[in-house]
Amino acid sequence: MKIIFLFLLLIQSGLGQMTDPLAIIERVDKNTVTVTIHYRAKLEISVGGVVREKEFIGYAQGKDRGYMEFTAPARDKGTRFLKLEDGMWIYLPAVEKATKIAGHMLRQSMMGSDFSYDDMMENKKLRELYEIQLTGSDTAFGKECYVLDLISKVEEVAYQHRVLWVDKESFVPVKIELYAKSGKLMKEINIIGFQRIGDRNYPARIKMINKLRQNTYSEMVLEDIRLDVEIPPKIFTKAYLERK
């Protein structure tokens, strides 16, 4: 009885909350990193109050393979992207040939949005890329959150420093600040909504705010999300990318 009483006291006082940053980030990675995924998505791009909408389908397998194909509007239909390990290619119907995107170009805007090519294709575990510290608790968007400070421990990352506000209930990072090596805040991500799929809380509505641009944001909504499904190998090939 004494053990149960002490346990209840710990919970009521807040001392029963998680204090291991690696355990927290493992829960985050479990929610956000997939073995395979197939989805449909809508992308809303707002610049200076002018809003454009795009639609696309996407596939990913592990951290090294990704494919996206835009289906609307008509001017973007048939534009495709393929990621294979550290390389990425874009196929434009008007050109009828794939062009490789490499190096710093991967950090440029994708389809005029606030998401970069790297942002859209990212599917890596944060624990493998960053040193992680728990700096405290805070409230973000009405949710009680763990605040984690992440510093890069490898070279091949788009952002050297991240700060995450992780919802204590869902273990979804509801707010993420992305910093350059110089310490300059580059972007902010808000995960506005998620879907419960199996034992995961998978992000389904994501807002990206580019802090280097004024009066702009991009919001992506994922639909028909299918996790851990078999994906035909041909999808992750240049032949499929360049098909007529």
Protein backbone atom coordinates (compact mmCIF):
# COMPACT_ATOMS: atom_id res chain seq x y z
CA MET A 1 0.00 0.00 0.00
CA LYS A 2 2.86 2.38 0.82
CA ILE A 3 4.41 1.76 -2.62
CA ILE A 4 1.11 2.50 -4.37
CA PHE A 5 0.64 5.66 -2.29
CA LEU A 6 4.11 6.94 -3.16
CA PHE A 7 3.54 6.18 -6.82
CA LEU A 8 0.33 8.23 -6.83
CA LEU A 9 2.12 11.10 -5.13
CA LEU A 10 4.78 11.09 -7.83
CA ILE A 11 2.18 11.31 -10.56
CA GLN A 12 0.24 14.07 -8.85
CA SER A 13 3.37 16.13 -8.24
CA GLY A 14 4.57 15.80 -11.82
CA LEU A 15 7.66 13.84 -10.84
CA GLY A 16 6.28 10.77 -12.57
CA GLN A 17 6.79 12.37 -15.98
CA MET A 18 9.50 11.16 -18.34
CA THR A 19 12.94 12.60 -17.71
CA ASP A 20 15.03 10.61 -20.20
CA PRO A 21 15.36 12.62 -23.45
CA LEU A 22 16.33 9.49 -25.42
CA ALA A 23 13.17 7.71 -24.31
CA ILE A 24 11.09 10.71 -25.40
CA ILE A 25 12.76 10.98 -28.81
CA GLU A 26 12.32 7.24 -29.33
CA ARG A 27 8.57 7.75 -28.92
CA VAL A 28 8.72 10.64 -31.40
CA ASP A 29 10.68 8.55 -33.92
CA LYS A 30 8.23 5.68 -33.52
CA ASN A 31 5.37 8.01 -34.46
CA THR A 32 7.04 9.79 -37.37
CA VAL A 33 9.55 7.43 -39.02
CA THR A 34 8.12 4.67 -41.21
CA VAL A 35 9.33 1.47 -42.86
CA THR A 36 7.09 2.17 -45.86
CA ILE A 37 4.31 4.68 -46.51
CA HIS A 38 1.87 5.52 -49.29
CA TYR A 39 -0.39 8.58 -49.14
CA ARG A 40 -2.29 11.28 -50.99
CA ALA A 41 -1.69 14.91 -50.04
CA LYS A 42 -2.90 18.44 -50.53
CA LEU A 43 -0.46 21.34 -50.34
CA GLU A 44 -1.61 24.90 -49.69
CA ILE A 45 0.95 27.61 -50.40
CA SER A 46 0.23 31.13 -49.13
CA VAL A 47 2.45 34.01 -50.27
CA GLY A 48 1.42 37.58 -49.50
CA GLY A 49 -2.16 36.48 -48.95
CA VAL A 50 -2.37 34.73 -52.33
CA VAL A 51 -3.11 31.02 -51.86
CA ARG A 52 -2.31 28.26 -54.36
CA GLU A 53 -3.28 24.64 -53.96
CA LYS A 54 -1.54 21.53 -55.25
CA GLU A 55 -2.17 17.80 -54.92
CA PHE A 56 0.23 14.88 -55.09
CA ILE A 57 0.76 11.25 -54.18
CA GLY A 58 3.79 9.97 -52.32
CA TYR A 59 5.67 6.80 -51.46
CA ALA A 60 8.64 6.20 -49.18
CA GLN A 61 10.69 3.19 -48.16
CA GLY A 62 13.08 3.63 -45.29
CA LYS A 63 15.35 6.67 -45.23
CA ASP A 64 16.83 6.23 -48.71
CA ARG A 65 13.88 5.89 -51.10
CA GLY A 66 11.09 8.31 -51.86
CA TYR A 67 8.77 9.14 -54.76
CA MET A 68 6.30 12.00 -55.29
CA GLU A 69 4.05 12.77 -58.24
CA PHE A 70 1.92 15.90 -58.57
CA THR A 71 -1.60 15.35 -59.87
CA ALA A 72 -3.10 18.87 -59.71
CA PRO A 73 -3.38 21.63 -60.82
CA ALA A 74 -3.09 20.94 -64.55
CA ARG A 75 0.14 22.96 -64.95
CA ASP A 76 1.89 20.75 -62.37
CA LYS A 77 0.38 17.42 -63.33
CA GLY A 78 3.02 14.81 -64.11
CA THR A 79 5.85 16.59 -62.26
CA ARG A 80 7.67 13.84 -60.37
CA PHE A 81 10.45 13.48 -57.82
CA LEU A 82 12.60 10.46 -56.98
CA LYS A 83 14.96 10.07 -54.04
CA LEU A 84 17.58 7.31 -54.04
CA GLU A 85 19.95 7.44 -51.08
CA ASP A 86 21.52 10.94 -51.14
CA GLY A 87 20.47 11.74 -54.71
CA MET A 88 17.23 13.26 -55.97
CA TRP A 89 15.83 13.69 -59.47
CA ILE A 90 13.00 15.82 -60.85
CA TYR A 91 11.03 14.95 -63.98
CA LEU A 92 9.18 17.72 -65.84
CA PRO A 93 6.70 16.59 -68.53
CA ALA A 94 7.69 19.47 -70.81
CA VAL A 95 11.35 18.37 -70.74
CA GLU A 96 10.65 14.60 -70.78
CA LYS A 97 13.92 13.90 -68.99
CA ALA A 98 14.96 13.65 -65.35
CA THR A 99 17.36 16.22 -63.89
CA LYS A 100 19.41 15.55 -60.78
CA ILE A 101 19.10 17.83 -57.77
CA ALA A 102 22.16 17.75 -55.54
CA GLY A 103 24.06 19.51 -52.77
CA HIS A 104 22.72 22.84 -51.54
CA MET A 105 19.90 22.69 -54.11
CA LEU A 106 18.18 20.09 -51.91
CA ARG A 107 17.54 22.88 -49.40
CA GLN A 108 15.76 25.09 -51.91
CA SER A 109 12.01 25.55 -52.19
CA MET A 110 10.03 22.64 -53.61
CA MET A 111 7.29 23.68 -56.04
CA GLY A 112 7.33 27.24 -54.67
CA SER A 113 6.46 26.13 -51.14
CA ASP A 114 8.17 26.75 -47.80
CA PHE A 115 9.15 23.07 -47.72
CA SER A 116 12.55 22.21 -49.19
CA TYR A 117 13.28 19.01 -51.13
CA ASP A 118 14.98 17.69 -47.98
CA ASP A 119 11.97 18.58 -45.83
CA MET A 120 9.52 16.73 -48.06
CA MET A 121 11.53 13.53 -48.31
CA GLU A 122 12.87 13.30 -44.74
CA ASN A 123 12.30 9.91 -43.06
CA LYS A 124 15.23 9.52 -40.65
CA LYS A 125 15.36 8.86 -36.93
CA LEU A 126 16.31 11.99 -35.01
CA ARG A 127 18.17 9.91 -32.43
CA GLU A 128 20.66 8.84 -35.12
CA LEU A 129 21.32 12.43 -36.24
CA TYR A 130 21.31 14.54 -33.07
CA GLU A 131 22.56 14.78 -29.50
CA ILE A 132 19.44 15.31 -27.41
CA GLN A 133 18.80 17.18 -24.17
CA LEU A 134 15.59 17.68 -22.21
CA THR A 135 15.54 21.36 -21.23
CA GLY A 136 12.19 21.53 -19.47
CA SER A 137 8.43 21.71 -19.99
CA ASP A 138 6.28 24.30 -21.73
CA THR A 139 2.85 24.78 -23.27
CA ALA A 140 2.40 24.97 -27.04
CA PHE A 141 -0.96 25.27 -28.79
CA GLY A 142 -2.71 24.41 -25.55
CA LYS A 143 -0.76 21.19 -25.01
CA GLU A 144 1.66 20.36 -22.20
CA CYS A 145 4.99 19.58 -23.83
CA TYR A 146 8.48 18.32 -23.19
CA VAL A 147 11.04 20.73 -24.67
CA LEU A 148 13.99 18.99 -26.32
CA ASP A 149 17.16 20.62 -27.63
CA LEU A 150 18.81 18.76 -30.51
CA ILE A 151 22.36 19.46 -31.75
CA SER A 152 23.65 17.70 -34.86
CA LYS A 153 26.23 14.95 -34.38
CA VAL A 154 26.62 14.23 -38.12
CA GLU A 155 27.40 16.45 -41.10
CA GLU A 156 24.65 15.37 -43.48
CA VAL A 157 21.74 17.25 -41.92
CA ALA A 158 19.76 20.18 -43.31
CA TYR A 159 19.47 21.84 -39.89
CA GLN A 160 22.28 21.86 -37.34
CA HIS A 161 20.03 22.65 -34.40
CA ARG A 162 16.39 21.85 -33.62
CA VAL A 163 14.12 22.63 -30.70
CA LEU A 164 11.09 20.37 -30.27
CA TRP A 165 7.93 20.87 -28.21
CA VAL A 166 6.69 17.28 -27.79
CA ASP A 167 3.10 16.74 -26.62
CA LYS A 168 3.31 14.75 -23.36
CA GLU A 169 0.20 12.76 -24.24
CA SER A 170 0.62 11.90 -27.94
CA PHE A 171 4.42 12.24 -28.27
CA VAL A 172 3.87 14.26 -31.45
CA PRO A 173 6.20 17.28 -31.82
CA VAL A 174 3.55 20.00 -32.12
CA LYS A 175 6.16 22.72 -32.65
CA ILE A 176 9.66 22.48 -34.13
CA GLU A 177 12.17 25.29 -34.59
CA LEU A 178 14.87 24.70 -37.21
CA TYR A 179 18.18 26.57 -36.97
CA ALA A 180 21.18 27.03 -39.25
CA LYS A 181 24.73 26.40 -38.05
CA SER A 182 25.06 30.16 -37.50
CA GLY A 183 22.25 30.00 -34.94
CA LYS A 184 19.76 31.79 -37.17
CA LEU A 185 16.16 30.56 -36.95
CA MET A 186 15.26 29.40 -40.44
CA LYS A 187 11.87 27.68 -40.19
CA GLU A 188 9.12 26.69 -37.80
CA ILE A 189 7.00 23.57 -38.18
CA ASN A 190 3.61 23.16 -36.53
CA ILE A 191 2.04 19.70 -36.52
CA ILE A 192 -1.60 20.70 -36.28
CA GLY A 193 -3.15 17.25 -36.53
CA PHE A 194 -2.32 13.54 -36.54
CA GLN A 195 -4.01 10.24 -37.34
CA ARG A 196 -4.00 7.25 -35.03
CA ILE A 197 -2.74 4.39 -37.21
CA GLY A 198 -2.10 1.15 -35.36
CA ASP A 199 0.08 2.10 -32.40
CA ARG A 200 1.33 5.34 -33.99
CA ASN A 201 0.20 8.96 -33.88
CA TYR A 202 1.25 9.88 -37.40
CA PRO A 203 1.46 13.59 -38.39
CA ALA A 204 -1.26 14.34 -40.94
CA ARG A 205 -1.51 18.13 -41.04
CA ILE A 206 1.77 20.05 -41.10
CA LYS A 207 2.33 23.79 -41.38
CA MET A 208 5.73 25.13 -42.42
CA ILE A 209 6.66 28.77 -41.79
CA ASN A 210 9.80 30.10 -43.43
CA LYS A 211 11.32 32.64 -41.03
CA LEU A 212 13.54 34.04 -43.79
CA ARG A 213 10.50 35.15 -45.81
CA GLN A 214 7.68 37.48 -44.82
CA ASN A 215 3.95 36.76 -44.92
CA THR A 216 4.25 33.20 -46.16
CA TYR A 217 3.41 29.67 -45.04
CA SER A 218 2.79 26.25 -46.56
CA GLU A 219 0.39 23.69 -45.14
CA MET A 220 0.33 20.01 -46.12
CA VAL A 221 -2.55 17.66 -45.35
CA LEU A 222 -1.98 13.92 -45.78
CA GLU A 223 -4.93 11.70 -46.68
CA ASP A 224 -5.43 7.98 -47.18
CA ILE A 225 -2.22 7.26 -45.25
CA ARG A 226 -1.07 3.64 -45.47
CA LEU A 227 1.86 2.55 -43.33
CA ASP A 228 4.01 -0.58 -43.59
CA VAL A 229 2.52 -1.58 -46.94
CA GLU A 230 4.28 -3.33 -49.79
CA ILE A 231 5.44 -0.93 -52.51
CA PRO A 232 6.34 -2.20 -56.00
CA PRO A 233 10.14 -1.87 -56.44
CA LYS A 234 9.67 -0.26 -59.89
CA ILE A 235 8.35 2.93 -58.27
CA PHE A 236 11.82 3.76 -56.96
CA THR A 237 13.52 3.65 -60.38
CA LYS A 238 14.46 6.28 -62.95
CA ALA A 239 12.61 4.25 -65.59
CA TYR A 240 9.36 4.75 -63.68
CA LEU A 241 10.20 8.40 -63.04
CA GLU A 242 10.71 9.08 -66.76
CA ARG A 243 7.82 6.96 -68.04
CA LYS A 244 5.64 8.62 -70.68
